Structures are given as structure tokens and as C-alpha cells.
């Protein structure tokens, strides 16, 4: 007689949520990458034009987004989304390696989101380039809502990691 560890709904729900999210991210990244490649084919004229429009020029650093840089960004987005999708499917199948890798993804996501939260908080104090009181109110409100959402994501990811490390869940991956 073979005894099997009962499967928890927690792992199945988490796996399926991330299967759906990763599939959406992969599809949107692939679509945007194709659109970027077709719409802004890397010509010298496009390279020069995009140098005039840097991202976050109001911050202390500039990031020149050329079509080539954008394509690299979309390629990274597509690759990470595909890796999360594969890991989530394997997690649903209770593969041991997927448990470890998925926990790593959750940790990386928590750290990156925490860094984004810190940047968002810093941004609240760097909005003095807006002169309109209504504009400042709108920016502050959207930033505060974003910070609350980011903090919720960090807490949720940490909770998922903690729950994935519980003995009943670990037993499923033996």
C-alpha cells in the first residue's frame, strides 16, 4: 500500500494564480515586443529621436530608451514571464525543483517590490517640479495608493514564502 501526502489547496491555488498571471505577462510582453519591433524599427533616425525623450529625466538619473534598449527590456520581460509560467506549472504538478525555484521567485519579487516601494516613497519628496496644487494632490494620491499596493504585494509574497515552507506543504514535494 502506497501512502501519499494529501495535496493542499494552497499550493494549487497559488500555482494557478501565477500560471494565469505569467501567461498574461508573457502574452502582453510578447505583443508589446512585436509592436515595438515593427513600429520603431531601429533606424538611425529613431535612435536620434528617442535620445531626446529619456525616461525619468526629472529624477537624478536619465535612462535613454532607444528601440534597441526597449527590445532588450521586452526580451527580459518575456523570458522572466516564461520562466515563471514554467515554474508555476511544475509547482502545480508538485515538482520539488519548482518548489525551490518558485520560492526564489517570490523572494526576488518581494525584494524588487520593496525597492520599488522605497523609490516611490522617495519620489513623494521629489515632486517639487509640479507647480499646480491640484497636480501635486493627484500625484501624491496616486503615489500613496501605489505605495499601499506595493506594500500589500511584499507582504503577500512573504506570506506565500512562509506558507510554502510549512511542514505540510513541504511534505507534498517529497
C-alpha atoms as a PDB file:
ATOM      1  CA  UNK A   1       0.000   0.000   0.000  1.00  0.00           C
ATOM      2  CA  UNK A   2       1.416   3.390  -1.025  1.00  0.00           C
ATOM      3  CA  UNK A   3       0.741   6.318   1.254  1.00  0.00           C
ATOM      4  CA  UNK A   4       0.566   9.670  -0.494  1.00  0.00           C
ATOM      5  CA  UNK A   5       0.603  13.043   1.121  1.00  0.00           C
ATOM      6  CA  UNK A   6      -2.675  14.862   0.549  1.00  0.00           C
ATOM      7  CA  UNK A   7      -2.381  17.893  -1.660  1.00  0.00           C
ATOM      8  CA  UNK A   8      -3.120  21.249  -0.077  1.00  0.00           C
ATOM      9  CA  UNK A   9      -5.396  23.641  -1.875  1.00  0.00           C
ATOM     10  CA  UNK A  10      -2.945  26.421  -1.063  1.00  0.00           C
ATOM     11  CA  UNK A  11      -0.275  25.165  -3.479  1.00  0.00           C
ATOM     12  CA  UNK A  12      -2.831  24.535  -6.225  1.00  0.00           C
ATOM     13  CA  UNK A  13      -4.404  27.985  -5.856  1.00  0.00           C
ATOM     14  CA  UNK A  14      -1.036  29.781  -5.772  1.00  0.00           C
ATOM     15  CA  UNK A  15       0.218  27.789  -8.765  1.00  0.00           C
ATOM     16  CA  UNK A  16      -2.885  28.528 -10.838  1.00  0.00           C
ATOM     17  CA  UNK A  17      -2.915  32.224  -9.932  1.00  0.00           C
ATOM     18  CA  UNK A  18       0.686  32.532 -11.111  1.00  0.00           C
ATOM     19  CA  UNK A  19       0.044  30.414 -14.205  1.00  0.00           C
ATOM     20  CA  UNK A  20      -2.634  32.913 -15.233  1.00  0.00           C
ATOM     21  CA  UNK A  21      -0.563  35.982 -14.271  1.00  0.00           C
ATOM     22  CA  UNK A  22       2.565  34.689 -16.043  1.00  0.00           C
ATOM     23  CA  UNK A  23       0.563  33.796 -19.156  1.00  0.00           C
ATOM     24  CA  UNK A  24      -0.907  37.296 -19.251  1.00  0.00           C
ATOM     25  CA  UNK A  25       2.534  38.851 -18.669  1.00  0.00           C
ATOM     26  CA  UNK A  26       4.109  36.669 -21.362  1.00  0.00           C
ATOM     27  CA  UNK A  27       1.377  37.490 -23.884  1.00  0.00           C
ATOM     28  CA  UNK A  28       1.453  41.223 -23.182  1.00  0.00           C
ATOM     29  CA  UNK A  29       5.257  41.334 -23.251  1.00  0.00           C
ATOM     30  CA  UNK A  30       5.420  39.387 -26.494  1.00  0.00           C
ATOM     31  CA  UNK A  31       2.766  41.602 -28.075  1.00  0.00           C
ATOM     32  CA  UNK A  32       4.487  44.786 -26.937  1.00  0.00           C
ATOM     33  CA  UNK A  33       7.852  43.468 -28.119  1.00  0.00           C
ATOM     34  CA  UNK A  34       6.473  42.684 -31.560  1.00  0.00           C
ATOM     35  CA  UNK A  35       4.768  46.063 -31.683  1.00  0.00           C
ATOM     36  CA  UNK A  36       7.991  47.821 -30.636  1.00  0.00           C
ATOM     37  CA  UNK A  37       9.996  45.948 -33.251  1.00  0.00           C
ATOM     38  CA  UNK A  38       7.512  46.676 -36.036  1.00  0.00           C
ATOM     39  CA  UNK A  39       6.587  50.244 -35.077  1.00  0.00           C
ATOM     40  CA  UNK A  40      10.016  51.569 -34.188  1.00  0.00           C
ATOM     41  CA  UNK A  41      12.416  49.590 -36.267  1.00  0.00           C
ATOM     42  CA  UNK A  42      15.925  50.526 -35.134  1.00  0.00           C
ATOM     43  CA  UNK A  43      16.999  53.092 -37.690  1.00  0.00           C
ATOM     44  CA  UNK A  44      19.468  55.917 -37.062  1.00  0.00           C
ATOM     45  CA  UNK A  45      16.572  58.387 -37.241  1.00  0.00           C
ATOM     46  CA  UNK A  46      14.676  56.532 -34.494  1.00  0.00           C
ATOM     47  CA  UNK A  47      17.816  56.242 -32.362  1.00  0.00           C
ATOM     48  CA  UNK A  48      18.364  60.033 -32.555  1.00  0.00           C
ATOM     49  CA  UNK A  49      14.724  60.873 -31.891  1.00  0.00           C
ATOM     50  CA  UNK A  50      14.487  58.662 -28.814  1.00  0.00           C
ATOM     51  CA  UNK A  51      17.618  60.220 -27.293  1.00  0.00           C
ATOM     52  CA  UNK A  52      15.588  63.425 -26.856  1.00  0.00           C
ATOM     53  CA  UNK A  53      12.979  61.638 -24.728  1.00  0.00           C
ATOM     54  CA  UNK A  54      14.685  59.985 -21.790  1.00  0.00           C
ATOM     55  CA  UNK A  55      12.712  58.158 -19.148  1.00  0.00           C
ATOM     56  CA  UNK A  56      12.565  59.762 -15.715  1.00  0.00           C
ATOM     57  CA  UNK A  57      14.508  62.855 -16.714  1.00  0.00           C
ATOM     58  CA  UNK A  58      13.091  64.624 -13.658  1.00  0.00           C
ATOM     59  CA  UNK A  59      14.990  62.213 -11.421  1.00  0.00           C
ATOM     60  CA  UNK A  60      18.683  62.390 -10.684  1.00  0.00           C
ATOM     61  CA  UNK A  61      19.411  59.897 -13.479  1.00  0.00           C
ATOM     62  CA  UNK A  62      18.385  59.552 -17.075  1.00  0.00           C
ATOM     63  CA  UNK A  63      17.717  56.332 -18.890  1.00  0.00           C
ATOM     64  CA  UNK A  64      17.862  56.684 -22.617  1.00  0.00           C
ATOM     65  CA  UNK A  65      15.245  54.392 -24.095  1.00  0.00           C
ATOM     66  CA  UNK A  66      16.137  53.609 -27.653  1.00  0.00           C
ATOM     67  CA  UNK A  67      14.261  50.978 -29.672  1.00  0.00           C
ATOM     68  CA  UNK A  68      17.150  48.578 -29.069  1.00  0.00           C
ATOM     69  CA  UNK A  69      17.050  49.116 -25.283  1.00  0.00           C
ATOM     70  CA  UNK A  70      13.267  48.695 -25.282  1.00  0.00           C
ATOM     71  CA  UNK A  71      13.558  45.420 -27.200  1.00  0.00           C
ATOM     72  CA  UNK A  72      16.100  44.157 -24.669  1.00  0.00           C
ATOM     73  CA  UNK A  73      13.705  45.147 -21.881  1.00  0.00           C
ATOM     74  CA  UNK A  74      10.825  43.315 -23.551  1.00  0.00           C
ATOM     75  CA  UNK A  75      13.053  40.287 -24.128  1.00  0.00           C
ATOM     76  CA  UNK A  76      13.883  40.159 -20.412  1.00  0.00           C
ATOM     77  CA  UNK A  77      10.169  40.597 -19.572  1.00  0.00           C
ATOM     78  CA  UNK A  78       9.183  37.752 -21.913  1.00  0.00           C
ATOM     79  CA  UNK A  79      11.934  35.455 -20.616  1.00  0.00           C
ATOM     80  CA  UNK A  80      11.101  36.022 -16.943  1.00  0.00           C
ATOM     81  CA  UNK A  81       7.375  35.605 -17.632  1.00  0.00           C
ATOM     82  CA  UNK A  82       8.019  32.332 -19.453  1.00  0.00           C
ATOM     83  CA  UNK A  83      10.252  31.064 -16.626  1.00  0.00           C
ATOM     84  CA  UNK A  84       7.609  31.939 -14.018  1.00  0.00           C
ATOM     85  CA  UNK A  85       4.978  30.206 -16.179  1.00  0.00           C
ATOM     86  CA  UNK A  86       7.043  27.010 -16.457  1.00  0.00           C
ATOM     87  CA  UNK A  87       7.841  27.087 -12.730  1.00  0.00           C
ATOM     88  CA  UNK A  88       4.179  27.622 -11.824  1.00  0.00           C
ATOM     89  CA  UNK A  89       3.053  24.691 -13.979  1.00  0.00           C
ATOM     90  CA  UNK A  90       5.708  22.493 -12.358  1.00  0.00           C
ATOM     91  CA  UNK A  91       4.613  23.749  -8.919  1.00  0.00           C
ATOM     92  CA  UNK A  92       1.049  22.659  -9.718  1.00  0.00           C
ATOM     93  CA  UNK A  93       2.489  19.218 -10.572  1.00  0.00           C
ATOM     94  CA  UNK A  94       4.346  19.239  -7.202  1.00  0.00           C
ATOM     95  CA  UNK A  95       7.867  19.064  -8.632  1.00  0.00           C
ATOM     96  CA  UNK A  96      10.469  19.562  -5.910  1.00  0.00           C
ATOM     97  CA  UNK A  97      12.708  21.829  -8.014  1.00  0.00           C
ATOM     98  CA  UNK A  98       9.688  24.033  -8.764  1.00  0.00           C
ATOM     99  CA  UNK A  99       9.045  24.498  -5.052  1.00  0.00           C
ATOM    100  CA  UNK A 100      12.587  25.822  -4.557  1.00  0.00           C
ATOM    101  CA  UNK A 101      12.605  27.967  -7.698  1.00  0.00           C
ATOM    102  CA  UNK A 102       9.120  29.371  -7.041  1.00  0.00           C
ATOM    103  CA  UNK A 103      10.156  30.312  -3.510  1.00  0.00           C
ATOM    104  CA  UNK A 104      13.179  32.052  -5.020  1.00  0.00           C
ATOM    105  CA  UNK A 105      10.900  33.927  -7.474  1.00  0.00           C
ATOM    106  CA  UNK A 106       8.691  35.051  -4.583  1.00  0.00           C
ATOM    107  CA  UNK A 107      11.739  36.267  -2.649  1.00  0.00           C
ATOM    108  CA  UNK A 108      13.106  38.148  -5.658  1.00  0.00           C
ATOM    109  CA  UNK A 109       9.666  39.649  -6.273  1.00  0.00           C
ATOM    110  CA  UNK A 110       9.403  40.770  -2.651  1.00  0.00           C
ATOM    111  CA  UNK A 111      12.856  42.394  -2.729  1.00  0.00           C
ATOM    112  CA  UNK A 112      12.255  44.149  -6.060  1.00  0.00           C
ATOM    113  CA  UNK A 113       8.831  45.362  -4.952  1.00  0.00           C
ATOM    114  CA  UNK A 114      10.299  46.622  -1.667  1.00  0.00           C
ATOM    115  CA  UNK A 115      12.920  48.551  -3.642  1.00  0.00           C
ATOM    116  CA  UNK A 116      10.163  49.960  -5.842  1.00  0.00           C
ATOM    117  CA  UNK A 117       8.282  50.986  -2.701  1.00  0.00           C
ATOM    118  CA  UNK A 118      11.368  52.778  -1.374  1.00  0.00           C
ATOM    119  CA  UNK A 119      11.725  54.553  -4.710  1.00  0.00           C
ATOM    120  CA  UNK A 120       8.031  55.525  -4.648  1.00  0.00           C
ATOM    121  CA  UNK A 121       8.408  56.961  -1.162  1.00  0.00           C
ATOM    122  CA  UNK A 122      11.483  58.911  -2.291  1.00  0.00           C
ATOM    123  CA  UNK A 123       9.506  60.160  -5.304  1.00  0.00           C
ATOM    124  CA  UNK A 124       6.919  61.719  -2.962  1.00  0.00           C
ATOM    125  CA  UNK A 125       9.590  64.145  -1.784  1.00  0.00           C
ATOM    126  CA  UNK A 126      10.890  64.853  -5.285  1.00  0.00           C
ATOM    127  CA  UNK A 127       7.683  66.128  -6.818  1.00  0.00           C
ATOM    128  CA  UNK A 128       8.571  69.794  -6.368  1.00  0.00           C
ATOM    129  CA  UNK A 129       8.792  70.182 -10.158  1.00  0.00           C
ATOM    130  CA  UNK A 130       4.972  70.365 -10.215  1.00  0.00           C
ATOM    131  CA  UNK A 131       3.610  73.847  -9.655  1.00  0.00           C
ATOM    132  CA  UNK A 132      -0.095  73.135  -9.649  1.00  0.00           C
ATOM    133  CA  UNK A 133      -1.547  72.249  -6.226  1.00  0.00           C
ATOM    134  CA  UNK A 134      -4.121  70.025  -7.922  1.00  0.00           C
ATOM    135  CA  UNK A 135      -1.350  68.296  -9.882  1.00  0.00           C
ATOM    136  CA  UNK A 136       0.590  67.678  -6.670  1.00  0.00           C
ATOM    137  CA  UNK A 137      -2.526  66.314  -4.971  1.00  0.00           C
ATOM    138  CA  UNK A 138      -3.160  63.907  -7.848  1.00  0.00           C
ATOM    139  CA  UNK A 139       0.459  62.749  -7.919  1.00  0.00           C
ATOM    140  CA  UNK A 140       0.585  62.351  -4.121  1.00  0.00           C
ATOM    141  CA  UNK A 141      -2.693  60.426  -4.098  1.00  0.00           C
ATOM    142  CA  UNK A 142      -1.646  58.074  -6.893  1.00  0.00           C
ATOM    143  CA  UNK A 143       1.780  57.565  -5.300  1.00  0.00           C
ATOM    144  CA  UNK A 144       0.289  56.798  -1.881  1.00  0.00           C
ATOM    145  CA  UNK A 145      -2.151  54.300  -3.425  1.00  0.00           C
ATOM    146  CA  UNK A 146       0.734  52.746  -5.336  1.00  0.00           C
ATOM    147  CA  UNK A 147       2.848  52.512  -2.174  1.00  0.00           C
ATOM    148  CA  UNK A 148      -0.003  50.782  -0.342  1.00  0.00           C
ATOM    149  CA  UNK A 149      -0.406  48.288  -3.213  1.00  0.00           C
ATOM    150  CA  UNK A 150       3.346  47.645  -3.325  1.00  0.00           C
ATOM    151  CA  UNK A 151       3.429  47.024   0.422  1.00  0.00           C
ATOM    152  CA  UNK A 152       0.489  44.620   0.047  1.00  0.00           C
ATOM    153  CA  UNK A 153       2.392  42.720  -2.681  1.00  0.00           C
ATOM    154  CA  UNK A 154       5.522  42.473  -0.494  1.00  0.00           C
ATOM    155  CA  UNK A 155       3.517  41.180   2.473  1.00  0.00           C
ATOM    156  CA  UNK A 156       1.633  38.719   0.236  1.00  0.00           C
ATOM    157  CA  UNK A 157       4.852  37.373  -1.321  1.00  0.00           C
ATOM    158  CA  UNK A 158       6.436  36.963   2.115  1.00  0.00           C
ATOM    159  CA  UNK A 159       3.308  35.189   3.359  1.00  0.00           C
ATOM    160  CA  UNK A 160       3.416  32.829   0.346  1.00  0.00           C
ATOM    161  CA  UNK A 161       7.088  32.064   1.054  1.00  0.00           C
ATOM    162  CA  UNK A 162       6.317  31.392   4.719  1.00  0.00           C
ATOM    163  CA  UNK A 163       3.387  29.155   3.825  1.00  0.00           C
ATOM    164  CA  UNK A 164       5.419  27.244   1.207  1.00  0.00           C
ATOM    165  CA  UNK A 165       7.974  26.489   3.950  1.00  0.00           C
ATOM    166  CA  UNK A 166       5.420  24.924   6.302  1.00  0.00           C
ATOM    167  CA  UNK A 167       5.859  21.187   7.008  1.00  0.00           C
ATOM    168  CA  UNK A 168       2.503  20.137   5.500  1.00  0.00           C
ATOM    169  CA  UNK A 169       3.344  21.887   2.225  1.00  0.00           C
ATOM    170  CA  UNK A 170       6.942  20.644   2.191  1.00  0.00           C
ATOM    171  CA  UNK A 171       5.638  17.081   2.584  1.00  0.00           C
ATOM    172  CA  UNK A 172       3.863  17.376  -0.775  1.00  0.00           C
ATOM    173  CA  UNK A 173       7.185  17.845  -2.562  1.00  0.00           C
ATOM    174  CA  UNK A 174       8.997  14.786  -1.166  1.00  0.00           C
END
